[in-house]
Amino acid sequence: MTKKRTLDQDKVLTAATNIVRNEGLKTLTLPKLAHELDIRTQSLYNYIANLDELISLIGARLVYKLRQKIKDGIVGLSGTEALIKFADIARDFLIDEGTLGIVIFYLHEYPKESTFNHEAQMLVELLNQVIDSSHIDQGNDEPFSHALIGSVLGFVFIETSGFYKDETFASSTKSYHQMINRIITPSGELA
């Protein structure tokens, strides 16, 4: 009797995500993933085109999950409170995801039409909606959203890289909030 396979793209992505989460992005290879799924490497091509597409799909799934968390977390908030909560959720999410969160830093390597970039654009659109509804006079939303996104990603990168060895999570959080407040209220009035 032949063993019936119940494999689909979702299961492939879940297995690949687990490899990245547990061992890091650099350890993800198609042979390793195939071994994990107990299939031949060639069989993976029924679900993905190549390793780049696989990483793009993992990234898209990650950004989608982040966007949903932010949407749920800012319900009922407005103004600077919503912007601060947006930034806090993003930071906490990336820290909680650990090695999987690193995938976001590879977004620039994927074409604009990739699923990964599409999900990232939807996240930026959500941020721009929050900026617009905050009535903060920053002029054009683009430089403001760039500054906020870049600051959150840069801070998380530095924080998770261990640049500041003696920094506690509490002191890092305090520094993070000071940075976010300076971006949101550059006049110096803390939100």
Protein backbone atom coordinates (compact mmCIF):
# COMPACT_ATOMS: atom_id res chain seq x y z
CA MET A 1 0.00 0.00 0.00
CA THR A 2 1.33 3.44 -0.95
CA LYS A 3 1.70 6.05 1.75
CA LYS A 4 -0.55 9.02 0.96
CA ARG A 5 1.11 12.43 1.28
CA THR A 6 -0.81 15.28 2.83
CA LEU A 7 1.88 17.85 2.20
CA ASP A 8 0.95 21.33 0.98
CA GLN A 9 2.67 24.71 0.73
CA ASP A 10 1.49 25.73 4.19
CA LYS A 11 3.18 22.71 5.77
CA VAL A 12 6.35 23.39 3.79
CA LEU A 13 6.37 27.00 5.01
CA THR A 14 5.73 25.93 8.59
CA ALA A 15 8.63 23.47 8.52
CA ALA A 16 10.94 26.06 6.94
CA THR A 17 9.85 28.69 9.47
CA ASN A 18 10.65 26.31 12.32
CA ILE A 19 14.13 25.69 10.93
CA VAL A 20 14.79 29.43 10.71
CA ARG A 21 13.31 30.08 14.17
CA ASN A 22 15.31 27.28 15.83
CA GLU A 23 18.58 27.34 13.90
CA GLY A 24 18.77 30.61 11.97
CA LEU A 25 18.21 31.69 8.39
CA LYS A 26 21.64 30.63 7.14
CA THR A 27 20.90 27.02 8.05
CA LEU A 28 17.83 26.84 5.81
CA THR A 29 18.56 24.80 2.70
CA LEU A 30 16.23 22.85 0.47
CA PRO A 31 17.92 19.51 1.27
CA LYS A 32 17.59 20.22 5.00
CA LEU A 33 13.93 21.18 4.58
CA ALA A 34 13.24 18.08 2.49
CA HIS A 35 14.89 15.91 5.14
CA GLU A 36 12.74 17.58 7.82
CA LEU A 37 9.60 16.85 5.77
CA ASP A 38 10.76 13.31 4.94
CA ILE A 39 10.58 13.90 1.19
CA ARG A 40 13.08 14.14 -1.66
CA THR A 41 14.49 17.61 -2.33
CA GLN A 42 13.03 17.58 -5.86
CA SER A 43 9.55 17.16 -4.39
CA LEU A 44 9.80 20.64 -2.82
CA TYR A 45 9.54 22.16 -6.29
CA ASN A 46 5.87 21.13 -6.31
CA TYR A 47 5.31 23.79 -3.62
CA ILE A 48 8.00 26.44 -4.14
CA ALA A 49 10.13 27.59 -7.08
CA ASN A 50 13.41 27.91 -5.17
CA LEU A 51 15.00 28.97 -1.87
CA ASP A 52 14.51 32.68 -2.63
CA GLU A 53 10.78 32.21 -3.09
CA LEU A 54 10.65 30.17 0.11
CA ILE A 55 12.33 32.95 2.11
CA SER A 56 10.07 35.53 0.47
CA LEU A 57 7.01 33.53 1.52
CA ILE A 58 8.35 33.14 5.07
CA GLY A 59 8.94 36.90 5.19
CA ALA A 60 5.47 37.64 3.83
CA ARG A 61 3.91 35.38 6.43
CA LEU A 62 5.94 37.08 9.17
CA VAL A 63 5.00 40.61 8.07
CA TYR A 64 1.33 39.59 7.73
CA LYS A 65 1.40 38.26 11.30
CA LEU A 66 3.02 41.51 12.50
CA ARG A 67 0.43 43.63 10.67
CA GLN A 68 -2.42 41.66 12.23
CA LYS A 69 -0.91 42.06 15.72
CA ILE A 70 -0.58 45.80 15.18
CA LYS A 71 -4.13 46.14 13.85
CA ASP A 72 -5.47 44.26 16.86
CA GLY A 73 -3.25 46.19 19.27
CA ILE A 74 -4.12 49.71 18.16
CA VAL A 75 -7.88 49.31 18.03
CA GLY A 76 -9.45 52.20 19.94
CA LEU A 77 -6.22 54.21 20.08
CA SER A 78 -5.48 57.42 18.23
CA GLY A 79 -2.89 60.16 17.94
CA THR A 80 0.55 59.71 19.42
CA GLU A 81 -0.76 56.89 21.60
CA ALA A 82 -1.53 54.82 18.48
CA LEU A 83 1.87 55.58 16.95
CA ILE A 84 3.72 54.61 20.13
CA LYS A 85 1.68 51.41 20.42
CA PHE A 86 2.41 50.63 16.74
CA ALA A 87 6.15 50.98 17.40
CA ASP A 88 5.99 49.01 20.67
CA ILE A 89 4.15 46.11 19.06
CA ALA A 90 6.64 46.01 16.18
CA ARG A 91 9.62 45.99 18.56
CA ASP A 92 8.14 43.35 20.86
CA PHE A 93 7.13 41.18 17.91
CA LEU A 94 10.59 41.24 16.33
CA ILE A 95 12.28 40.50 19.65
CA ASP A 96 9.84 37.67 20.42
CA GLU A 97 10.37 36.13 16.97
CA GLY A 98 14.12 35.94 17.63
CA THR A 99 16.09 34.53 14.73
CA LEU A 100 12.96 34.44 12.58
CA GLY A 101 12.61 38.23 12.88
CA ILE A 102 15.93 38.59 11.05
CA VAL A 103 14.12 37.65 7.82
CA ILE A 104 12.65 41.17 7.72
CA PHE A 105 16.15 42.58 7.25
CA TYR A 106 16.37 40.73 3.91
CA LEU A 107 13.34 42.47 2.37
CA HIS A 108 15.56 44.70 0.22
CA GLU A 109 16.80 41.62 -1.65
CA TYR A 110 13.38 40.80 -3.07
CA PRO A 111 11.66 42.36 -6.07
CA LYS A 112 8.87 44.88 -5.60
CA GLU A 113 6.34 42.39 -6.98
CA SER A 114 7.25 39.67 -4.45
CA THR A 115 4.74 38.54 -1.86
CA PHE A 116 7.19 39.67 0.81
CA ASN A 117 7.31 43.24 -0.55
CA HIS A 118 3.54 43.30 -1.01
CA GLU A 119 2.98 42.46 2.65
CA ALA A 120 5.59 45.03 3.70
CA GLN A 121 3.81 47.70 1.63
CA MET A 122 0.53 46.85 3.36
CA LEU A 123 2.28 47.34 6.72
CA VAL A 124 3.58 50.74 5.57
CA GLU A 125 0.07 51.66 4.39
CA LEU A 126 -1.26 50.79 7.85
CA LEU A 127 1.40 53.00 9.44
CA ASN A 128 0.52 55.86 7.07
CA GLN A 129 -3.15 55.50 8.04
CA VAL A 130 -2.18 55.75 11.71
CA ILE A 131 0.00 58.79 10.95
CA ASP A 132 -2.85 60.45 9.02
CA SER A 133 -5.35 59.79 11.80
CA SER A 134 -2.95 61.10 14.44
CA HIS A 135 -3.21 64.66 13.09
CA ILE A 136 0.46 65.16 13.80
CA ASP A 137 1.69 67.83 11.40
CA GLN A 138 4.72 66.15 9.88
CA GLY A 139 4.08 67.36 6.34
CA ASN A 140 4.51 64.44 3.95
CA ASP A 141 3.93 61.04 5.60
CA GLU A 142 6.78 59.36 3.74
CA PRO A 143 9.78 60.84 5.59
CA PHE A 144 7.98 60.41 8.90
CA SER A 145 7.10 56.75 8.25
CA HIS A 146 10.66 56.12 6.98
CA ALA A 147 12.08 57.59 10.17
CA LEU A 148 9.76 55.56 12.38
CA ILE A 149 10.28 52.26 10.54
CA GLY A 150 14.02 52.78 10.26
CA SER A 151 14.30 53.67 13.93
CA VAL A 152 12.33 50.64 15.10
CA LEU A 153 14.27 48.24 12.87
CA GLY A 154 17.61 49.82 13.69
CA PHE A 155 16.94 49.79 17.41
CA VAL A 156 15.86 46.13 17.36
CA PHE A 157 18.91 45.22 15.29
CA ILE A 158 21.26 46.89 17.78
CA GLU A 159 19.33 45.58 20.76
CA THR A 160 19.31 41.96 19.60
CA SER A 161 22.93 42.12 18.42
CA GLY A 162 24.11 42.74 21.97
CA PHE A 163 26.04 45.94 21.20
CA TYR A 164 25.28 47.27 24.67
CA LYS A 165 26.31 44.37 26.88
CA ASP A 166 25.38 45.94 30.22
CA GLU A 167 21.98 47.21 29.13
CA THR A 168 18.96 45.62 30.81
CA PHE A 169 15.65 45.11 29.06
CA ALA A 170 14.16 47.87 31.24
CA SER A 171 16.88 50.39 30.37
CA SER A 172 16.68 49.41 26.70
CA THR A 173 12.91 49.93 26.78
CA LYS A 174 13.38 53.35 28.35
CA SER A 175 15.88 54.31 25.63
CA TYR A 176 13.55 52.95 22.97
CA HIS A 177 10.62 55.03 24.22
CA GLN A 178 12.79 58.16 24.38
CA MET A 179 13.79 57.59 20.75
CA ILE A 180 10.20 56.97 19.60
CA ASN A 181 8.98 60.05 21.47
CA ARG A 182 11.65 62.21 19.81
CA ILE A 183 10.52 61.00 16.39
CA ILE A 184 6.83 61.45 17.10
CA THR A 185 7.16 64.75 18.97
CA PRO A 186 10.38 66.35 17.74
CA SER A 187 9.54 69.59 19.56
CA GLY A 188 10.65 67.88 22.75
CA GLU A 189 7.26 67.50 24.37
CA LEU A 190 7.11 63.86 25.38
CA ALA A 191 3.97 62.02 24.37
